[in-house]
Amino acid sequence: MILARFYYYVLTRRYRVKIKGMEILKSSETKLFLPNHQSYIDPQLIAVITALHSDFVPVVSDTFLKIPVISYFLKKWNTIPVGEPGSKRETADLKKIFLQVINTLKRKKNVILYPSGKITITPIEKIHNKQSAFVVVSQIPEEVRVIGVRISGLWGSMWSVAWMGERPDFVLTYLKGIIYFFANFIFFIPKRNVTFEYVDITAEAKLKAMKDRRTFNNYLEDFYNNNGPEKATYIKHLFYFPKSKRKYPGNLMKP
């Protein structure tokens, strides 16, 4: 809890976080959180936000378990590892991952699972044919609530594809973040507005999961993209620099 509070403080020097549906986040019911995935920073934000209110277990790509320091904290959270999206291991481990998630929920611990499995490369969220969320929700314990988390404000962050037109290098971006943190003397970091909207979608999600995977995934996509394609927002990294003049990468779909 102390580490979560400290890291939340660090992150909120840069990110002005607005939370909608706080009563859902604070409720004592066991929850399966299903967020959209705009960037590599939103898992960090949702992790510390959740940790301030309850125990949870994240489902994370095993790539991050190979990064020093990061892997330490992921293991402390009893992270459920999954192979890289599209890899043979991801497919082979699906049943194992499903059992771990279900057993964790039965122990009344919350779980954070990203249906897309990777950060978006467009200003709208796409689940495509991913099946992890569908499989879990279709057999989720009756008492568990399914919570959709609609995240906005991070499309255009250096942690997102909208920064360079490709998925950023996690370690390099993290190091840049540390440099900017101190280069702004901690207290003068330009702020980025980010919104986390928590919505109880239990009934609808279960109903869609009873049909088929495509119906379920289309439902999630509609939920995440309810406000339409998000416009990329570029915020300067140093307070003593002029306004950011960064342009939207030409290889990406226009918002």
C-alpha atoms as a PDB file:
ATOM      1  CA  MET A   1       0.000   0.000   0.000  1.00  0.00           C
ATOM      2  CA  ILE A   2       2.807   2.437   0.851  1.00  0.00           C
ATOM      3  CA  LEU A   3       4.571   1.721  -2.438  1.00  0.00           C
ATOM      4  CA  ALA A   4       1.297   2.090  -4.335  1.00  0.00           C
ATOM      5  CA  ARG A   5       0.654   5.477  -2.731  1.00  0.00           C
ATOM      6  CA  PHE A   6       4.184   6.604  -3.498  1.00  0.00           C
ATOM      7  CA  TYR A   7       3.993   5.536  -7.141  1.00  0.00           C
ATOM      8  CA  TYR A   8       0.541   7.075  -7.495  1.00  0.00           C
ATOM      9  CA  TYR A   9       2.042  10.340  -6.261  1.00  0.00           C
ATOM     10  CA  VAL A  10       4.870  10.046  -8.806  1.00  0.00           C
ATOM     11  CA  LEU A  11       2.502   9.336 -11.703  1.00  0.00           C
ATOM     12  CA  THR A  12       0.093  12.100 -10.779  1.00  0.00           C
ATOM     13  CA  ARG A  13       2.860  14.677 -11.091  1.00  0.00           C
ATOM     14  CA  ARG A  14       2.395  14.129 -14.837  1.00  0.00           C
ATOM     15  CA  TYR A  15      -1.168  12.808 -15.075  1.00  0.00           C
ATOM     16  CA  ARG A  16      -4.227  14.659 -13.809  1.00  0.00           C
ATOM     17  CA  VAL A  17      -6.480  11.679 -13.197  1.00  0.00           C
ATOM     18  CA  LYS A  18     -10.266  11.920 -13.171  1.00  0.00           C
ATOM     19  CA  ILE A  19     -12.177   8.876 -11.995  1.00  0.00           C
ATOM     20  CA  LYS A  20     -15.812   8.264 -12.881  1.00  0.00           C
ATOM     21  CA  GLY A  21     -17.617   5.483 -11.042  1.00  0.00           C
ATOM     22  CA  MET A  22     -15.525   5.647  -7.879  1.00  0.00           C
ATOM     23  CA  GLU A  23     -18.298   3.867  -5.978  1.00  0.00           C
ATOM     24  CA  ILE A  24     -17.780   0.830  -8.218  1.00  0.00           C
ATOM     25  CA  LEU A  25     -14.035   0.888  -7.663  1.00  0.00           C
ATOM     26  CA  LYS A  26     -14.498   1.091  -3.883  1.00  0.00           C
ATOM     27  CA  SER A  27     -17.193  -1.587  -3.610  1.00  0.00           C
ATOM     28  CA  SER A  28     -16.324  -4.742  -1.688  1.00  0.00           C
ATOM     29  CA  GLU A  29     -17.589  -7.077  -4.420  1.00  0.00           C
ATOM     30  CA  THR A  30     -15.089  -9.187  -6.342  1.00  0.00           C
ATOM     31  CA  LYS A  31     -14.463  -7.612  -9.737  1.00  0.00           C
ATOM     32  CA  LEU A  32     -13.026  -8.480 -13.127  1.00  0.00           C
ATOM     33  CA  PHE A  33     -11.725  -5.244 -14.644  1.00  0.00           C
ATOM     34  CA  LEU A  34     -11.672  -5.098 -18.451  1.00  0.00           C
ATOM     35  CA  PRO A  35      -9.895  -1.891 -19.599  1.00  0.00           C
ATOM     36  CA  ASN A  36      -9.119  -0.631 -23.075  1.00  0.00           C
ATOM     37  CA  HIS A  37      -5.422  -0.251 -23.800  1.00  0.00           C
ATOM     38  CA  GLN A  38      -4.264   3.107 -25.192  1.00  0.00           C
ATOM     39  CA  SER A  39      -0.647   3.006 -24.050  1.00  0.00           C
ATOM     40  CA  TYR A  40       1.979   1.380 -21.849  1.00  0.00           C
ATOM     41  CA  ILE A  41       1.284   3.844 -19.047  1.00  0.00           C
ATOM     42  CA  ASP A  42      -2.391   3.001 -18.458  1.00  0.00           C
ATOM     43  CA  PRO A  43      -1.614  -0.390 -16.828  1.00  0.00           C
ATOM     44  CA  GLN A  44       0.646   1.426 -14.378  1.00  0.00           C
ATOM     45  CA  LEU A  45      -2.052   3.957 -13.568  1.00  0.00           C
ATOM     46  CA  ILE A  46      -4.870   1.444 -13.198  1.00  0.00           C
ATOM     47  CA  ALA A  47      -2.653  -0.801 -11.074  1.00  0.00           C
ATOM     48  CA  VAL A  48      -1.867   1.848  -8.466  1.00  0.00           C
ATOM     49  CA  ILE A  49      -5.436   3.194  -8.523  1.00  0.00           C
ATOM     50  CA  THR A  50      -6.792  -0.303  -7.869  1.00  0.00           C
ATOM     51  CA  ALA A  51      -4.138  -1.069  -5.252  1.00  0.00           C
ATOM     52  CA  LEU A  52      -5.281   1.914  -3.193  1.00  0.00           C
ATOM     53  CA  HIS A  53      -8.690   0.287  -2.746  1.00  0.00           C
ATOM     54  CA  SER A  54      -8.298  -3.494  -2.912  1.00  0.00           C
ATOM     55  CA  ASP A  55      -6.099  -6.479  -3.613  1.00  0.00           C
ATOM     56  CA  PHE A  56      -5.848  -7.495  -7.232  1.00  0.00           C
ATOM     57  CA  VAL A  57      -3.969  -9.719  -9.657  1.00  0.00           C
ATOM     58  CA  PRO A  58      -3.006  -8.423 -13.118  1.00  0.00           C
ATOM     59  CA  VAL A  59      -2.791 -10.526 -16.272  1.00  0.00           C
ATOM     60  CA  VAL A  60       0.399  -9.329 -17.982  1.00  0.00           C
ATOM     61  CA  SER A  61       2.517 -10.238 -21.008  1.00  0.00           C
ATOM     62  CA  ASP A  62       5.453 -12.353 -19.862  1.00  0.00           C
ATOM     63  CA  THR A  63       7.756  -9.897 -21.674  1.00  0.00           C
ATOM     64  CA  PHE A  64       7.443  -7.503 -18.733  1.00  0.00           C
ATOM     65  CA  LEU A  65       8.415 -10.239 -16.300  1.00  0.00           C
ATOM     66  CA  LYS A  66      11.854 -10.198 -17.907  1.00  0.00           C
ATOM     67  CA  ILE A  67      12.484  -6.523 -17.084  1.00  0.00           C
ATOM     68  CA  PRO A  68      14.481  -5.970 -13.874  1.00  0.00           C
ATOM     69  CA  VAL A  69      12.674  -4.079 -11.084  1.00  0.00           C
ATOM     70  CA  ILE A  70       9.382  -4.189 -13.030  1.00  0.00           C
ATOM     71  CA  SER A  71       9.357  -7.979 -12.700  1.00  0.00           C
ATOM     72  CA  TYR A  72       9.874  -7.690  -8.923  1.00  0.00           C
ATOM     73  CA  PHE A  73       6.656  -5.714  -8.441  1.00  0.00           C
ATOM     74  CA  LEU A  74       4.706  -7.870 -10.883  1.00  0.00           C
ATOM     75  CA  LYS A  75       5.672 -10.976  -8.944  1.00  0.00           C
ATOM     76  CA  LYS A  76       4.677  -9.282  -5.683  1.00  0.00           C
ATOM     77  CA  TRP A  77       1.207  -8.896  -7.210  1.00  0.00           C
ATOM     78  CA  ASN A  78       1.156 -12.612  -8.116  1.00  0.00           C
ATOM     79  CA  THR A  79       0.872 -11.634 -11.767  1.00  0.00           C
ATOM     80  CA  ILE A  80      -0.649 -14.139 -14.179  1.00  0.00           C
ATOM     81  CA  PRO A  81       1.743 -14.215 -17.169  1.00  0.00           C
ATOM     82  CA  VAL A  82       0.567 -14.651 -20.741  1.00  0.00           C
ATOM     83  CA  GLY A  83       2.554 -15.103 -23.940  1.00  0.00           C
ATOM     84  CA  GLU A  84       2.934 -12.220 -26.377  1.00  0.00           C
ATOM     85  CA  PRO A  85      -0.250 -11.625 -28.413  1.00  0.00           C
ATOM     86  CA  GLY A  86      -0.303 -13.892 -31.452  1.00  0.00           C
ATOM     87  CA  SER A  87       2.432 -16.169 -30.138  1.00  0.00           C
ATOM     88  CA  LYS A  88       2.097 -19.963 -29.894  1.00  0.00           C
ATOM     89  CA  ARG A  89       2.484 -19.740 -26.139  1.00  0.00           C
ATOM     90  CA  GLU A  90      -0.475 -17.381 -25.837  1.00  0.00           C
ATOM     91  CA  THR A  91      -2.706 -19.931 -27.529  1.00  0.00           C
ATOM     92  CA  ALA A  92      -1.239 -22.932 -25.707  1.00  0.00           C
ATOM     93  CA  ASP A  93      -1.526 -21.283 -22.292  1.00  0.00           C
ATOM     94  CA  LEU A  94      -5.082 -20.015 -22.707  1.00  0.00           C
ATOM     95  CA  LYS A  95      -6.652 -22.814 -20.664  1.00  0.00           C
ATOM     96  CA  LYS A  96      -4.040 -22.445 -17.925  1.00  0.00           C
ATOM     97  CA  ILE A  97      -4.537 -18.680 -17.812  1.00  0.00           C
ATOM     98  CA  PHE A  98      -8.308 -19.114 -17.692  1.00  0.00           C
ATOM     99  CA  LEU A  99      -8.054 -21.469 -14.698  1.00  0.00           C
ATOM    100  CA  GLN A 100      -5.702 -19.074 -12.876  1.00  0.00           C
ATOM    101  CA  VAL A 101      -8.038 -16.139 -13.433  1.00  0.00           C
ATOM    102  CA  ILE A 102     -11.142 -18.068 -12.352  1.00  0.00           C
ATOM    103  CA  ASN A 103      -9.406 -19.444  -9.246  1.00  0.00           C
ATOM    104  CA  THR A 104      -8.184 -15.961  -8.332  1.00  0.00           C
ATOM    105  CA  LEU A 105     -11.732 -14.589  -8.598  1.00  0.00           C
ATOM    106  CA  LYS A 106     -13.053 -17.484  -6.496  1.00  0.00           C
ATOM    107  CA  ARG A 107     -10.562 -16.436  -3.802  1.00  0.00           C
ATOM    108  CA  LYS A 108     -12.328 -13.049  -3.889  1.00  0.00           C
ATOM    109  CA  LYS A 109      -9.389 -11.214  -5.424  1.00  0.00           C
ATOM    110  CA  ASN A 110      -9.942  -8.735  -8.203  1.00  0.00           C
ATOM    111  CA  VAL A 111      -8.370  -9.330 -11.614  1.00  0.00           C
ATOM    112  CA  ILE A 112      -7.286  -6.830 -14.272  1.00  0.00           C
ATOM    113  CA  LEU A 113      -7.416  -8.316 -17.768  1.00  0.00           C
ATOM    114  CA  TYR A 114      -6.881  -6.445 -21.038  1.00  0.00           C
ATOM    115  CA  PRO A 115      -9.214  -7.950 -23.706  1.00  0.00           C
ATOM    116  CA  SER A 116      -7.104  -6.609 -26.605  1.00  0.00           C
ATOM    117  CA  GLY A 117      -3.876  -8.056 -25.193  1.00  0.00           C
ATOM    118  CA  LYS A 118      -1.792  -5.173 -26.561  1.00  0.00           C
ATOM    119  CA  ILE A 119      -1.833  -1.412 -26.946  1.00  0.00           C
ATOM    120  CA  THR A 120      -3.963  -0.019 -29.748  1.00  0.00           C
ATOM    121  CA  ILE A 121      -2.442   1.176 -33.006  1.00  0.00           C
ATOM    122  CA  THR A 122      -5.522   3.233 -33.922  1.00  0.00           C
ATOM    123  CA  PRO A 123      -7.540   5.972 -32.169  1.00  0.00           C
ATOM    124  CA  ILE A 124     -10.244   3.369 -31.533  1.00  0.00           C
ATOM    125  CA  GLU A 125      -9.970   0.152 -29.556  1.00  0.00           C
ATOM    126  CA  LYS A 126     -10.040  -3.127 -31.488  1.00  0.00           C
ATOM    127  CA  ILE A 127     -10.417  -6.545 -29.846  1.00  0.00           C
ATOM    128  CA  HIS A 128     -10.480  -8.450 -33.153  1.00  0.00           C
ATOM    129  CA  ASN A 129     -10.637 -12.221 -32.505  1.00  0.00           C
ATOM    130  CA  LYS A 130      -9.056 -12.221 -29.031  1.00  0.00           C
ATOM    131  CA  GLN A 131     -10.659 -14.769 -26.748  1.00  0.00           C
ATOM    132  CA  SER A 132      -9.269 -14.390 -23.199  1.00  0.00           C
ATOM    133  CA  ALA A 133     -11.955 -12.000 -21.908  1.00  0.00           C
ATOM    134  CA  PHE A 134     -14.701 -13.917 -23.713  1.00  0.00           C
ATOM    135  CA  VAL A 135     -13.626 -17.257 -22.204  1.00  0.00           C
ATOM    136  CA  VAL A 136     -13.406 -15.840 -18.682  1.00  0.00           C
ATOM    137  CA  VAL A 137     -16.706 -13.943 -18.764  1.00  0.00           C
ATOM    138  CA  SER A 138     -18.561 -16.901 -20.271  1.00  0.00           C
ATOM    139  CA  GLN A 139     -17.689 -18.998 -17.185  1.00  0.00           C
ATOM    140  CA  ILE A 140     -17.141 -16.352 -14.516  1.00  0.00           C
ATOM    141  CA  PRO A 141     -18.353 -17.099 -10.952  1.00  0.00           C
ATOM    142  CA  GLU A 142     -21.886 -15.780 -10.446  1.00  0.00           C
ATOM    143  CA  GLU A 143     -20.996 -13.352  -7.641  1.00  0.00           C
ATOM    144  CA  VAL A 144     -18.194 -11.617  -9.598  1.00  0.00           C
ATOM    145  CA  ARG A 145     -18.917  -8.261 -11.189  1.00  0.00           C
ATOM    146  CA  VAL A 146     -17.614  -7.481 -14.691  1.00  0.00           C
ATOM    147  CA  ILE A 147     -16.372  -3.895 -14.810  1.00  0.00           C
ATOM    148  CA  GLY A 148     -15.631  -2.165 -18.091  1.00  0.00           C
ATOM    149  CA  VAL A 149     -12.970   0.532 -17.756  1.00  0.00           C
ATOM    150  CA  ARG A 150     -13.051   3.199 -20.449  1.00  0.00           C
ATOM    151  CA  ILE A 151      -9.704   5.036 -20.470  1.00  0.00           C
ATOM    152  CA  SER A 152      -9.191   8.261 -22.402  1.00  0.00           C
ATOM    153  CA  GLY A 153      -6.545  10.967 -22.644  1.00  0.00           C
ATOM    154  CA  LEU A 154      -3.485   8.851 -23.363  1.00  0.00           C
ATOM    155  CA  TRP A 155      -3.674   8.702 -27.169  1.00  0.00           C
ATOM    156  CA  GLY A 156      -0.730  10.930 -28.089  1.00  0.00           C
ATOM    157  CA  SER A 157       1.332  10.137 -24.996  1.00  0.00           C
ATOM    158  CA  MET A 158       4.945   9.097 -25.606  1.00  0.00           C
ATOM    159  CA  TRP A 159       3.807   5.732 -24.218  1.00  0.00           C
ATOM    160  CA  SER A 160       1.332   5.336 -27.102  1.00  0.00           C
ATOM    161  CA  VAL A 161       1.630   4.437 -30.784  1.00  0.00           C
ATOM    162  CA  ALA A 162       0.369   7.930 -31.652  1.00  0.00           C
ATOM    163  CA  TRP A 163       3.723   9.352 -30.541  1.00  0.00           C
ATOM    164  CA  MET A 164       6.027   7.858 -33.182  1.00  0.00           C
ATOM    165  CA  GLY A 165       3.664   5.759 -35.281  1.00  0.00           C
ATOM    166  CA  GLU A 166       4.867   2.488 -33.737  1.00  0.00           C
ATOM    167  CA  ARG A 167       4.821   0.771 -30.373  1.00  0.00           C
ATOM    168  CA  PRO A 168       7.363   2.515 -28.130  1.00  0.00           C
ATOM    169  CA  ASP A 169      10.273   0.768 -26.450  1.00  0.00           C
ATOM    170  CA  PHE A 170       9.065   0.277 -22.878  1.00  0.00           C
ATOM    171  CA  VAL A 171      12.433   0.505 -21.097  1.00  0.00           C
ATOM    172  CA  LEU A 172      13.649   3.496 -23.112  1.00  0.00           C
ATOM    173  CA  THR A 173      10.365   5.337 -22.556  1.00  0.00           C
ATOM    174  CA  TYR A 174      10.488   4.570 -18.853  1.00  0.00           C
ATOM    175  CA  LEU A 175      13.996   6.020 -18.617  1.00  0.00           C
ATOM    176  CA  LYS A 176      12.837   9.130 -20.475  1.00  0.00           C
ATOM    177  CA  GLY A 177      10.007   9.482 -17.983  1.00  0.00           C
ATOM    178  CA  ILE A 178      12.440   9.441 -15.071  1.00  0.00           C
ATOM    179  CA  ILE A 179      14.585  12.111 -16.761  1.00  0.00           C
ATOM    180  CA  TYR A 180      11.560  14.353 -17.395  1.00  0.00           C
ATOM    181  CA  PHE A 181      10.423  13.856 -13.799  1.00  0.00           C
ATOM    182  CA  PHE A 182      13.586  15.382 -12.398  1.00  0.00           C
ATOM    183  CA  ALA A 183      14.211  17.811 -15.273  1.00  0.00           C
ATOM    184  CA  ASN A 184      10.917  19.492 -14.333  1.00  0.00           C
ATOM    185  CA  PHE A 185      12.024  19.696 -10.697  1.00  0.00           C
ATOM    186  CA  ILE A 186       9.185  17.277  -9.844  1.00  0.00           C
ATOM    187  CA  PHE A 187       6.586  19.976  -9.137  1.00  0.00           C
ATOM    188  CA  PHE A 188       6.494  21.711 -12.529  1.00  0.00           C
ATOM    189  CA  ILE A 189       5.767  18.783 -14.851  1.00  0.00           C
ATOM    190  CA  PRO A 190       3.192  19.712 -17.521  1.00  0.00           C
ATOM    191  CA  LYS A 191      -0.036  17.821 -16.816  1.00  0.00           C
ATOM    192  CA  ARG A 192      -1.925  15.434 -19.084  1.00  0.00           C
ATOM    193  CA  ASN A 193      -5.645  14.946 -18.386  1.00  0.00           C
ATOM    194  CA  VAL A 194      -6.640  11.284 -18.158  1.00  0.00           C
ATOM    195  CA  THR A 195     -10.061   9.847 -17.413  1.00  0.00           C
ATOM    196  CA  PHE A 196     -10.851   6.395 -16.013  1.00  0.00           C
ATOM    197  CA  GLU A 197     -14.540   5.548 -16.267  1.00  0.00           C
ATOM    198  CA  TYR A 198     -15.662   2.450 -14.363  1.00  0.00           C
ATOM    199  CA  VAL A 199     -18.958   0.921 -15.519  1.00  0.00           C
ATOM    200  CA  ASP A 200     -20.658  -2.238 -14.245  1.00  0.00           C
ATOM    201  CA  ILE A 201     -21.345  -4.189 -17.440  1.00  0.00           C
ATOM    202  CA  THR A 202     -21.975  -7.557 -15.752  1.00  0.00           C
ATOM    203  CA  ALA A 203     -25.441  -8.326 -17.098  1.00  0.00           C
ATOM    204  CA  GLU A 204     -24.790  -7.205 -20.669  1.00  0.00           C
ATOM    205  CA  ALA A 205     -21.329  -8.784 -20.855  1.00  0.00           C
ATOM    206  CA  LYS A 206     -22.613 -12.167 -19.646  1.00  0.00           C
ATOM    207  CA  LEU A 207     -25.495 -12.005 -22.096  1.00  0.00           C
ATOM    208  CA  LYS A 208     -23.182 -11.295 -25.037  1.00  0.00           C
ATOM    209  CA  ALA A 209     -20.756 -14.013 -23.902  1.00  0.00           C
ATOM    210  CA  MET A 210     -23.599 -16.549 -24.056  1.00  0.00           C
ATOM    211  CA  LYS A 211     -23.826 -15.987 -27.813  1.00  0.00           C
ATOM    212  CA  ASP A 212     -20.365 -16.120 -29.369  1.00  0.00           C
ATOM    213  CA  ARG A 213     -16.934 -14.520 -29.282  1.00  0.00           C
ATOM    214  CA  ARG A 214     -17.548 -12.069 -32.112  1.00  0.00           C
ATOM    215  CA  THR A 215     -20.721 -10.742 -30.495  1.00  0.00           C
ATOM    216  CA  PHE A 216     -18.928 -10.344 -27.177  1.00  0.00           C
ATOM    217  CA  ASN A 217     -15.875  -8.626 -28.666  1.00  0.00           C
ATOM    218  CA  ASN A 218     -18.042  -6.290 -30.752  1.00  0.00           C
ATOM    219  CA  TYR A 219     -19.891  -5.351 -27.574  1.00  0.00           C
ATOM    220  CA  LEU A 220     -16.625  -4.462 -25.813  1.00  0.00           C
ATOM    221  CA  GLU A 221     -15.424  -2.440 -28.794  1.00  0.00           C
ATOM    222  CA  ASP A 222     -18.681  -0.469 -28.804  1.00  0.00           C
ATOM    223  CA  PHE A 223     -18.291   0.174 -25.090  1.00  0.00           C
ATOM    224  CA  TYR A 224     -14.705   1.402 -25.365  1.00  0.00           C
ATOM    225  CA  ASN A 225     -15.379   3.520 -28.460  1.00  0.00           C
ATOM    226  CA  ASN A 226     -18.623   5.011 -27.181  1.00  0.00           C
ATOM    227  CA  ASN A 227     -17.233   8.552 -27.516  1.00  0.00           C
ATOM    228  CA  GLY A 228     -15.845   7.987 -31.009  1.00  0.00           C
ATOM    229  CA  PRO A 229     -12.214   7.991 -32.201  1.00  0.00           C
ATOM    230  CA  GLU A 230      -9.992   9.871 -29.805  1.00  0.00           C
ATOM    231  CA  LYS A 231      -7.994  12.828 -31.020  1.00  0.00           C
ATOM    232  CA  ALA A 232      -4.275  12.618 -30.267  1.00  0.00           C
ATOM    233  CA  THR A 233      -3.187  15.072 -27.583  1.00  0.00           C
ATOM    234  CA  TYR A 234       0.453  16.104 -27.385  1.00  0.00           C
ATOM    235  CA  ILE A 235       1.624  17.652 -24.128  1.00  0.00           C
ATOM    236  CA  LYS A 236       5.108  19.139 -23.805  1.00  0.00           C
ATOM    237  CA  HIS A 237       7.471  17.245 -21.509  1.00  0.00           C
ATOM    238  CA  LEU A 238       9.413  20.179 -20.077  1.00  0.00           C
ATOM    239  CA  PHE A 239       7.689  23.185 -18.524  1.00  0.00           C
ATOM    240  CA  TYR A 240      10.295  25.627 -19.850  1.00  0.00           C
ATOM    241  CA  PHE A 241       9.790  24.461 -23.461  1.00  0.00           C
ATOM    242  CA  PRO A 242       7.231  26.093 -25.804  1.00  0.00           C
ATOM    243  CA  LYS A 243       3.967  24.329 -26.634  1.00  0.00           C
ATOM    244  CA  SER A 244       4.446  20.954 -28.299  1.00  0.00           C
ATOM    245  CA  LYS A 245       4.342  21.092 -32.111  1.00  0.00           C
ATOM    246  CA  ARG A 246       4.412  17.354 -32.606  1.00  0.00           C
ATOM    247  CA  LYS A 247       2.441  16.131 -35.627  1.00  0.00           C
ATOM    248  CA  TYR A 248       0.298  13.038 -35.892  1.00  0.00           C
ATOM    249  CA  PRO A 249       2.269  10.161 -37.526  1.00  0.00           C
ATOM    250  CA  GLY A 250       1.397   9.882 -41.205  1.00  0.00           C
ATOM    251  CA  ASN A 251       1.231   6.076 -41.154  1.00  0.00           C
ATOM    252  CA  LEU A 252      -1.646   5.971 -38.662  1.00  0.00           C
ATOM    253  CA  MET A 253      -5.381   6.109 -39.210  1.00  0.00           C
ATOM    254  CA  LYS A 254      -6.638   9.653 -38.819  1.00  0.00           C
ATOM    255  CA  PRO A 255      -8.806  10.312 -35.743  1.00  0.00           C
END
